[in-house]
Structure formats: C-alpha cells, structure tokens
Amino acid sequence: MPKQQLNASKTHSGQGLLWLFGAILSVQGFGSAMTEAGWNTSFGVAGLLRAAHVPEWGTLLVGCGGAALLATAARRHYTKGRASRRP
C-alpha cells in the first residue's frame, strides 16, 4: 500500500473515532441527565457517576464533552472538505 494511502486511512479512522465517541458521550451524558431528572432513576454513565459520588451535574459534563468531540469532528470534516476543493 502506498504511503499516501496509509496516511489517509489513519486520519480517516481517527475522524471516525471522534464522531463515534462524541455521539456515545453525548447520548449517555445528556440522556442520563434527562432520565434522572424526569424519572428519578439513573442508568449508564449516571449510575457509574452516582456510585463514584460525583454530583448530579457530572452527567451534563459528560454530555458537554461529547458535544465538544462532535464539534471538533465537524470542524475537521469541514476544513478537510474545503482544503480538498482548493486548486
């Protein structure tokens, strides 16, 4: 495999991981916070954080971390697309 193709595949998998972890953390963080507020029960990240004696707003931090990863992935995707269209 040529070196250029190898480098492109490495950056592509890293980009995919940003999207994946961003989505997982956003759903777990914000979903856990909404479930705990609405039904007074915790699951997933919220359950683990409660067991570790983290305050209730800890799940919101997890969700914000996921949103930050999604924003980073979107920014990289957008700038990569613009760079490839330049002459």
N, C-alpha and C. Protein backbone atom coordinates (compact mmCIF):
# COMPACT_ATOMS: atom_id res chain seq x y z
N MET A 1 0.85 -1.17 0.00
CA MET A 1 0.00 0.00 0.00
C MET A 1 0.90 1.24 0.00
N PRO A 2 0.63 2.20 -0.90
CA PRO A 2 1.44 3.41 -0.92
C PRO A 2 1.32 4.19 0.38
N LYS A 3 2.38 4.94 0.67
CA LYS A 3 2.43 5.68 1.93
C LYS A 3 1.31 6.71 2.02
N GLN A 4 0.96 7.35 0.89
CA GLN A 4 -0.09 8.35 0.91
C GLN A 4 -1.44 7.73 1.28
N GLN A 5 -1.75 6.55 0.78
CA GLN A 5 -3.00 5.88 1.12
C GLN A 5 -3.00 5.48 2.60
N LEU A 6 -1.87 5.06 3.13
CA LEU A 6 -1.78 4.67 4.53
C LEU A 6 -2.06 5.85 5.44
N ASN A 7 -1.49 7.00 5.13
CA ASN A 7 -1.74 8.19 5.95
C ASN A 7 -3.19 8.63 5.87
N ALA A 8 -3.80 8.54 4.70
CA ALA A 8 -5.20 8.93 4.55
C ALA A 8 -6.10 8.00 5.36
N SER A 9 -5.80 6.70 5.39
CA SER A 9 -6.65 5.78 6.14
C SER A 9 -6.49 6.00 7.64
N LYS A 10 -5.31 6.37 8.11
CA LYS A 10 -5.12 6.65 9.54
C LYS A 10 -5.93 7.86 9.97
N THR A 11 -5.91 8.93 9.18
CA THR A 11 -6.67 10.12 9.56
C THR A 11 -8.16 9.86 9.46
N HIS A 12 -8.57 9.01 8.51
CA HIS A 12 -9.99 8.71 8.37
C HIS A 12 -10.50 7.93 9.59
N SER A 13 -9.73 6.98 10.08
CA SER A 13 -10.18 6.21 11.24
C SER A 13 -10.19 7.08 12.49
N GLY A 14 -9.26 8.00 12.61
CA GLY A 14 -9.26 8.93 13.75
C GLY A 14 -10.48 9.83 13.72
N GLN A 15 -10.85 10.26 12.53
CA GLN A 15 -12.04 11.10 12.37
C GLN A 15 -13.29 10.32 12.75
N GLY A 16 -13.35 9.06 12.34
CA GLY A 16 -14.49 8.22 12.68
C GLY A 16 -14.61 8.00 14.19
N LEU A 17 -13.47 7.86 14.85
CA LEU A 17 -13.50 7.68 16.30
C LEU A 17 -14.00 8.93 17.01
N LEU A 18 -13.64 10.11 16.50
CA LEU A 18 -14.17 11.35 17.08
C LEU A 18 -15.69 11.39 16.99
N TRP A 19 -16.22 11.05 15.81
CA TRP A 19 -17.68 11.01 15.65
C TRP A 19 -18.32 10.00 16.59
N LEU A 20 -17.71 8.81 16.66
CA LEU A 20 -18.27 7.73 17.47
C LEU A 20 -18.29 8.08 18.96
N PHE A 21 -17.13 8.46 19.49
CA PHE A 21 -17.07 8.77 20.92
C PHE A 21 -17.87 10.02 21.26
N GLY A 22 -17.91 10.98 20.36
CA GLY A 22 -18.73 12.17 20.59
C GLY A 22 -20.20 11.82 20.70
N ALA A 23 -20.67 10.97 19.80
CA ALA A 23 -22.08 10.57 19.83
C ALA A 23 -22.40 9.76 21.08
N ILE A 24 -21.52 8.83 21.43
CA ILE A 24 -21.76 8.00 22.62
C ILE A 24 -21.79 8.85 23.88
N LEU A 25 -20.82 9.73 24.04
CA LEU A 25 -20.77 10.56 25.25
C LEU A 25 -21.95 11.54 25.31
N SER A 26 -22.35 12.08 24.17
CA SER A 26 -23.49 12.99 24.16
C SER A 26 -24.77 12.28 24.57
N VAL A 27 -25.02 11.12 23.98
CA VAL A 27 -26.24 10.38 24.30
C VAL A 27 -26.23 9.92 25.76
N GLN A 28 -25.10 9.36 26.19
CA GLN A 28 -25.01 8.88 27.57
C GLN A 28 -25.12 10.04 28.58
N GLY A 29 -24.41 11.12 28.32
CA GLY A 29 -24.40 12.23 29.27
C GLY A 29 -25.73 12.94 29.35
N PHE A 30 -26.23 13.43 28.22
CA PHE A 30 -27.48 14.17 28.22
C PHE A 30 -28.68 13.25 28.46
N GLY A 31 -28.63 12.03 27.92
CA GLY A 31 -29.72 11.08 28.14
C GLY A 31 -29.83 10.66 29.59
N SER A 32 -28.69 10.44 30.22
CA SER A 32 -28.70 10.08 31.64
C SER A 32 -29.23 11.22 32.49
N ALA A 33 -28.82 12.44 32.16
CA ALA A 33 -29.29 13.60 32.92
C ALA A 33 -30.80 13.78 32.78
N MET A 34 -31.33 13.61 31.56
CA MET A 34 -32.77 13.76 31.36
C MET A 34 -33.55 12.64 32.04
N THR A 35 -33.04 11.42 31.97
CA THR A 35 -33.72 10.29 32.61
C THR A 35 -33.72 10.46 34.12
N GLU A 36 -32.61 10.90 34.65
CA GLU A 36 -32.54 11.08 36.10
C GLU A 36 -33.46 12.21 36.57
N ALA A 37 -33.53 13.29 35.79
CA ALA A 37 -34.40 14.41 36.16
C ALA A 37 -35.88 14.05 36.00
N GLY A 38 -36.22 13.34 34.93
CA GLY A 38 -37.63 13.04 34.65
C GLY A 38 -38.19 11.88 35.42
N TRP A 39 -37.41 10.81 35.60
CA TRP A 39 -37.94 9.60 36.21
C TRP A 39 -37.22 9.20 37.49
N ASN A 40 -36.30 10.03 37.93
CA ASN A 40 -35.58 9.81 39.19
C ASN A 40 -34.90 8.43 39.23
N THR A 41 -34.34 8.05 38.10
CA THR A 41 -33.59 6.80 38.02
C THR A 41 -32.32 7.06 37.21
N SER A 42 -31.29 6.30 37.48
CA SER A 42 -30.05 6.52 36.75
C SER A 42 -29.64 5.24 36.03
N PHE A 43 -29.00 5.40 34.87
CA PHE A 43 -28.51 4.28 34.10
C PHE A 43 -27.20 4.69 33.44
N GLY A 44 -26.47 3.75 32.96
CA GLY A 44 -25.26 4.03 32.21
C GLY A 44 -24.26 4.90 32.96
N VAL A 45 -23.92 6.01 32.34
CA VAL A 45 -22.93 6.92 32.91
C VAL A 45 -23.41 7.49 34.24
N ALA A 46 -24.69 7.84 34.32
CA ALA A 46 -25.21 8.42 35.56
C ALA A 46 -25.09 7.43 36.71
N GLY A 47 -25.38 6.18 36.46
CA GLY A 47 -25.27 5.17 37.52
C GLY A 47 -23.84 5.01 38.00
N LEU A 48 -22.90 5.00 37.06
CA LEU A 48 -21.49 4.89 37.44
C LEU A 48 -21.01 6.12 38.20
N LEU A 49 -21.46 7.29 37.75
CA LEU A 49 -21.04 8.52 38.44
C LEU A 49 -21.64 8.62 39.84
N ARG A 50 -22.90 8.16 40.01
CA ARG A 50 -23.51 8.17 41.34
C ARG A 50 -22.75 7.24 42.28
N ALA A 51 -22.33 6.09 41.77
CA ALA A 51 -21.57 5.14 42.59
C ALA A 51 -20.22 5.72 43.00
N ALA A 52 -19.69 6.61 42.18
CA ALA A 52 -18.40 7.26 42.49
C ALA A 52 -18.60 8.55 43.28
N HIS A 53 -19.83 8.86 43.68
CA HIS A 53 -20.17 10.04 44.48
C HIS A 53 -19.87 11.35 43.75
N VAL A 54 -20.12 11.37 42.44
CA VAL A 54 -19.98 12.59 41.65
C VAL A 54 -21.31 13.33 41.70
N PRO A 55 -21.29 14.67 41.80
CA PRO A 55 -22.56 15.43 41.83
C PRO A 55 -23.41 15.19 40.58
N GLU A 56 -24.68 15.55 40.67
CA GLU A 56 -25.62 15.31 39.58
C GLU A 56 -25.22 16.00 38.28
N TRP A 57 -24.56 17.15 38.35
CA TRP A 57 -24.18 17.87 37.15
C TRP A 57 -23.02 17.19 36.42
N GLY A 58 -22.46 16.15 36.98
CA GLY A 58 -21.38 15.42 36.32
C GLY A 58 -21.81 14.80 35.00
N THR A 59 -23.06 14.35 34.93
CA THR A 59 -23.55 13.77 33.67
C THR A 59 -23.66 14.83 32.58
N LEU A 60 -23.99 16.05 32.97
CA LEU A 60 -24.03 17.13 31.99
C LEU A 60 -22.63 17.43 31.44
N LEU A 61 -21.62 17.30 32.29
CA LEU A 61 -20.25 17.49 31.82
C LEU A 61 -19.86 16.42 30.80
N VAL A 62 -20.31 15.20 31.04
CA VAL A 62 -20.04 14.12 30.08
C VAL A 62 -20.71 14.45 28.74
N GLY A 63 -21.95 14.91 28.80
CA GLY A 63 -22.66 15.30 27.57
C GLY A 63 -21.98 16.46 26.86
N CYS A 64 -21.50 17.44 27.62
CA CYS A 64 -20.79 18.57 27.01
C CYS A 64 -19.47 18.12 26.39
N GLY A 65 -18.81 17.17 27.03
CA GLY A 65 -17.59 16.61 26.45
C GLY A 65 -17.87 15.94 25.12
N GLY A 66 -18.97 15.21 25.06
CA GLY A 66 -19.38 14.58 23.80
C GLY A 66 -19.72 15.60 22.73
N ALA A 67 -20.40 16.68 23.14
CA ALA A 67 -20.73 17.73 22.18
C ALA A 67 -19.45 18.41 21.66
N ALA A 68 -18.47 18.57 22.53
CA ALA A 68 -17.19 19.15 22.10
C ALA A 68 -16.48 18.24 21.11
N LEU A 69 -16.52 16.93 21.34
CA LEU A 69 -15.91 15.99 20.38
C LEU A 69 -16.64 16.03 19.04
N LEU A 70 -17.96 16.13 19.07
CA LEU A 70 -18.73 16.22 17.83
C LEU A 70 -18.41 17.52 17.09
N ALA A 71 -18.26 18.61 17.82
CA ALA A 71 -17.92 19.89 17.20
C ALA A 71 -16.52 19.83 16.57
N THR A 72 -15.59 19.19 17.25
CA THR A 72 -14.23 19.03 16.71
C THR A 72 -14.25 18.19 15.44
N ALA A 73 -15.01 17.10 15.47
CA ALA A 73 -15.11 16.24 14.28
C ALA A 73 -15.74 16.99 13.12
N ALA A 74 -16.77 17.77 13.40
CA ALA A 74 -17.44 18.53 12.34
C ALA A 74 -16.50 19.59 11.76
N ARG A 75 -15.75 20.24 12.61
CA ARG A 75 -14.81 21.28 12.16
C ARG A 75 -13.72 20.66 11.28
N ARG A 76 -13.18 19.53 11.72
CA ARG A 76 -12.15 18.85 10.91
C ARG A 76 -12.71 18.39 9.57
N HIS A 77 -13.93 17.89 9.59
CA HIS A 77 -14.56 17.43 8.36
C HIS A 77 -14.78 18.60 7.41
N TYR A 78 -15.23 19.72 7.94
CA TYR A 78 -15.50 20.90 7.12
C TYR A 78 -14.21 21.47 6.54
N THR A 79 -13.16 21.61 7.36
CA THR A 79 -11.91 22.19 6.88
C THR A 79 -11.21 21.24 5.90
N LYS A 80 -11.34 19.95 6.10
CA LYS A 80 -10.75 18.98 5.17
C LYS A 80 -11.45 19.06 3.82
N GLY A 81 -12.75 19.24 3.83
CA GLY A 81 -13.50 19.37 2.60
C GLY A 81 -13.15 20.64 1.84
N ARG A 82 -12.94 21.72 2.56
CA ARG A 82 -12.57 22.98 1.92
C ARG A 82 -11.17 22.90 1.35
N ALA A 83 -10.25 22.22 2.06
CA ALA A 83 -8.87 22.12 1.59
C ALA A 83 -8.79 21.28 0.31
N SER A 84 -9.63 20.25 0.20
CA SER A 84 -9.58 19.39 -0.98
C SER A 84 -10.20 20.07 -2.20
N ARG A 85 -11.04 21.07 -2.00
CA ARG A 85 -11.65 21.78 -3.13
C ARG A 85 -10.79 22.92 -3.65
N ARG A 86 -9.79 23.33 -2.91
CA ARG A 86 -8.91 24.41 -3.36
C ARG A 86 -8.05 23.93 -4.51
N PRO A 87 -7.80 24.83 -5.49
CA PRO A 87 -6.97 24.44 -6.64
C PRO A 87 -5.51 24.29 -6.28
